[in-house]
């Protein structure tokens, strides 16, 4: 899991939602090849861009339950103050609660 890489990019300002939007591709290494294993979209509603809200994290089916979404949260916590909108799927809610139980957030 040490070979996780994140490719952040700005999607620009969304005037309909009044926010800056960002995306991040999540890469894992398999047989010395970097492979995209998932994707995250997040946004900021403040001018300073110091706080972000995760809109969603998607990990592709064959790569789930390997810690990639958790690594994505840890990556965002290194860069920003992280807030949650609490709109989770059933699985997402269990994962979020596990982050709290493991003192990650």
C-alpha atoms as a PDB file:
ATOM      1  CA  UNK A   1       0.000   0.000   0.000  1.00  0.00           C
ATOM      2  CA  UNK A   2       3.030   2.281   0.153  1.00  0.00           C
ATOM      3  CA  UNK A   3       2.930   2.754  -3.614  1.00  0.00           C
ATOM      4  CA  UNK A   4      -0.302   4.735  -3.727  1.00  0.00           C
ATOM      5  CA  UNK A   5      -0.156   7.859  -5.877  1.00  0.00           C
ATOM      6  CA  UNK A   6      -2.656  10.697  -6.205  1.00  0.00           C
ATOM      7  CA  UNK A   7      -3.124  12.897  -9.263  1.00  0.00           C
ATOM      8  CA  UNK A   8      -4.995  16.043  -8.165  1.00  0.00           C
ATOM      9  CA  UNK A   9      -6.474  18.446 -10.692  1.00  0.00           C
ATOM     10  CA  UNK A  10      -8.668  21.503 -10.554  1.00  0.00           C
ATOM     11  CA  UNK A  11     -11.951  21.207 -12.416  1.00  0.00           C
ATOM     12  CA  UNK A  12     -12.491  24.953 -12.053  1.00  0.00           C
ATOM     13  CA  UNK A  13     -15.218  27.104 -10.622  1.00  0.00           C
ATOM     14  CA  UNK A  14     -18.792  25.803 -10.739  1.00  0.00           C
ATOM     15  CA  UNK A  15     -20.936  28.932 -10.802  1.00  0.00           C
ATOM     16  CA  UNK A  16     -24.191  26.949 -10.434  1.00  0.00           C
ATOM     17  CA  UNK A  17     -22.985  25.542  -7.111  1.00  0.00           C
ATOM     18  CA  UNK A  18     -20.773  28.546  -6.186  1.00  0.00           C
ATOM     19  CA  UNK A  19     -17.705  26.429  -5.464  1.00  0.00           C
ATOM     20  CA  UNK A  20     -14.291  25.358  -6.727  1.00  0.00           C
ATOM     21  CA  UNK A  21     -14.233  21.720  -7.750  1.00  0.00           C
ATOM     22  CA  UNK A  22     -11.348  19.277  -7.796  1.00  0.00           C
ATOM     23  CA  UNK A  23     -10.764  15.695  -8.827  1.00  0.00           C
ATOM     24  CA  UNK A  24      -8.134  13.168  -7.916  1.00  0.00           C
ATOM     25  CA  UNK A  25      -7.273   9.909  -9.653  1.00  0.00           C
ATOM     26  CA  UNK A  26      -6.022   7.248  -7.252  1.00  0.00           C
ATOM     27  CA  UNK A  27      -3.272   4.934  -8.492  1.00  0.00           C
ATOM     28  CA  UNK A  28      -1.971   1.685  -7.036  1.00  0.00           C
ATOM     29  CA  UNK A  29       1.019  -0.306  -8.224  1.00  0.00           C
ATOM     30  CA  UNK A  30       0.605  -3.843  -9.565  1.00  0.00           C
ATOM     31  CA  UNK A  31       3.541  -5.765 -11.032  1.00  0.00           C
ATOM     32  CA  UNK A  32       5.520  -2.479 -11.113  1.00  0.00           C
ATOM     33  CA  UNK A  33       2.799  -0.819 -13.205  1.00  0.00           C
ATOM     34  CA  UNK A  34       0.772   2.120 -11.883  1.00  0.00           C
ATOM     35  CA  UNK A  35      -2.908   1.426 -12.402  1.00  0.00           C
ATOM     36  CA  UNK A  36      -5.843   3.740 -11.729  1.00  0.00           C
ATOM     37  CA  UNK A  37      -7.863   2.101  -8.948  1.00  0.00           C
ATOM     38  CA  UNK A  38     -10.346   4.872  -8.221  1.00  0.00           C
ATOM     39  CA  UNK A  39     -11.388   8.484  -8.323  1.00  0.00           C
ATOM     40  CA  UNK A  40     -12.342  11.212  -5.874  1.00  0.00           C
ATOM     41  CA  UNK A  41     -14.215  14.463  -6.387  1.00  0.00           C
ATOM     42  CA  UNK A  42     -14.099  17.191  -3.764  1.00  0.00           C
ATOM     43  CA  UNK A  43     -14.877  20.896  -3.540  1.00  0.00           C
ATOM     44  CA  UNK A  44     -14.323  24.072  -1.570  1.00  0.00           C
ATOM     45  CA  UNK A  45     -16.860  26.813  -0.888  1.00  0.00           C
ATOM     46  CA  UNK A  46     -14.516  29.294   0.763  1.00  0.00           C
ATOM     47  CA  UNK A  47     -12.222  31.793  -0.989  1.00  0.00           C
ATOM     48  CA  UNK A  48      -9.075  30.602   0.823  1.00  0.00           C
ATOM     49  CA  UNK A  49      -9.627  26.976  -0.317  1.00  0.00           C
ATOM     50  CA  UNK A  50      -8.358  25.628   3.014  1.00  0.00           C
ATOM     51  CA  UNK A  51     -11.416  23.475   3.713  1.00  0.00           C
ATOM     52  CA  UNK A  52     -12.762  20.847   1.332  1.00  0.00           C
ATOM     53  CA  UNK A  53     -15.809  18.615   1.249  1.00  0.00           C
ATOM     54  CA  UNK A  54     -15.599  15.165  -0.296  1.00  0.00           C
ATOM     55  CA  UNK A  55     -18.369  14.790  -2.842  1.00  0.00           C
ATOM     56  CA  UNK A  56     -17.550  11.143  -3.468  1.00  0.00           C
ATOM     57  CA  UNK A  57     -14.799   8.549  -3.543  1.00  0.00           C
ATOM     58  CA  UNK A  58     -15.161   5.665  -5.967  1.00  0.00           C
ATOM     59  CA  UNK A  59     -12.852   2.689  -5.817  1.00  0.00           C
ATOM     60  CA  UNK A  60     -13.227   0.290  -8.727  1.00  0.00           C
ATOM     61  CA  UNK A  61     -14.776  -3.033  -7.726  1.00  0.00           C
ATOM     62  CA  UNK A  62     -11.660  -5.239  -8.017  1.00  0.00           C
ATOM     63  CA  UNK A  63      -9.680  -2.848  -5.788  1.00  0.00           C
ATOM     64  CA  UNK A  64     -12.117  -2.316  -2.932  1.00  0.00           C
ATOM     65  CA  UNK A  65     -11.362  -3.113   0.708  1.00  0.00           C
ATOM     66  CA  UNK A  66      -7.626  -2.542   0.243  1.00  0.00           C
ATOM     67  CA  UNK A  67      -7.396   0.853   1.943  1.00  0.00           C
ATOM     68  CA  UNK A  68      -7.406   3.152  -1.081  1.00  0.00           C
ATOM     69  CA  UNK A  69     -10.346   5.300   0.048  1.00  0.00           C
ATOM     70  CA  UNK A  70      -8.771   5.629   3.485  1.00  0.00           C
ATOM     71  CA  UNK A  71      -5.468   6.682   1.895  1.00  0.00           C
ATOM     72  CA  UNK A  72      -7.398   9.282  -0.134  1.00  0.00           C
ATOM     73  CA  UNK A  73      -8.842  10.755   3.070  1.00  0.00           C
ATOM     74  CA  UNK A  74      -5.384  10.827   4.653  1.00  0.00           C
ATOM     75  CA  UNK A  75      -4.019  12.571   1.534  1.00  0.00           C
ATOM     76  CA  UNK A  76      -6.706  15.259   1.742  1.00  0.00           C
ATOM     77  CA  UNK A  77      -6.099  15.707   5.477  1.00  0.00           C
ATOM     78  CA  UNK A  78      -2.440  16.519   4.721  1.00  0.00           C
ATOM     79  CA  UNK A  79      -3.530  19.361   2.423  1.00  0.00           C
ATOM     80  CA  UNK A  80      -6.814  20.678   3.829  1.00  0.00           C
ATOM     81  CA  UNK A  81      -9.243  20.818   6.679  1.00  0.00           C
ATOM     82  CA  UNK A  82     -11.779  18.164   5.766  1.00  0.00           C
ATOM     83  CA  UNK A  83     -15.535  18.426   6.263  1.00  0.00           C
ATOM     84  CA  UNK A  84     -18.217  15.903   5.434  1.00  0.00           C
ATOM     85  CA  UNK A  85     -21.691  16.430   4.003  1.00  0.00           C
ATOM     86  CA  UNK A  86     -22.819  13.117   5.565  1.00  0.00           C
ATOM     87  CA  UNK A  87     -24.486  11.921   2.352  1.00  0.00           C
ATOM     88  CA  UNK A  88     -23.277   8.330   2.328  1.00  0.00           C
ATOM     89  CA  UNK A  89     -24.280   5.093   0.715  1.00  0.00           C
ATOM     90  CA  UNK A  90     -24.885   2.242   3.154  1.00  0.00           C
ATOM     91  CA  UNK A  91     -21.334   0.943   2.581  1.00  0.00           C
ATOM     92  CA  UNK A  92     -19.971   4.476   2.722  1.00  0.00           C
ATOM     93  CA  UNK A  93     -21.572   5.049   6.111  1.00  0.00           C
ATOM     94  CA  UNK A  94     -19.923   1.891   7.530  1.00  0.00           C
ATOM     95  CA  UNK A  95     -16.572   2.971   6.074  1.00  0.00           C
ATOM     96  CA  UNK A  96     -16.945   6.486   7.528  1.00  0.00           C
ATOM     97  CA  UNK A  97     -17.738   5.050  10.951  1.00  0.00           C
ATOM     98  CA  UNK A  98     -14.662   2.812  10.687  1.00  0.00           C
ATOM     99  CA  UNK A  99     -12.533   5.926  10.046  1.00  0.00           C
ATOM    100  CA  UNK A 100     -13.809   7.333  13.336  1.00  0.00           C
ATOM    101  CA  UNK A 101     -13.263   4.027  15.169  1.00  0.00           C
ATOM    102  CA  UNK A 102      -9.652   3.885  13.890  1.00  0.00           C
ATOM    103  CA  UNK A 103      -9.009   7.562  14.844  1.00  0.00           C
ATOM    104  CA  UNK A 104      -8.256   8.532  11.246  1.00  0.00           C
ATOM    105  CA  UNK A 105     -10.740  11.392  11.360  1.00  0.00           C
END
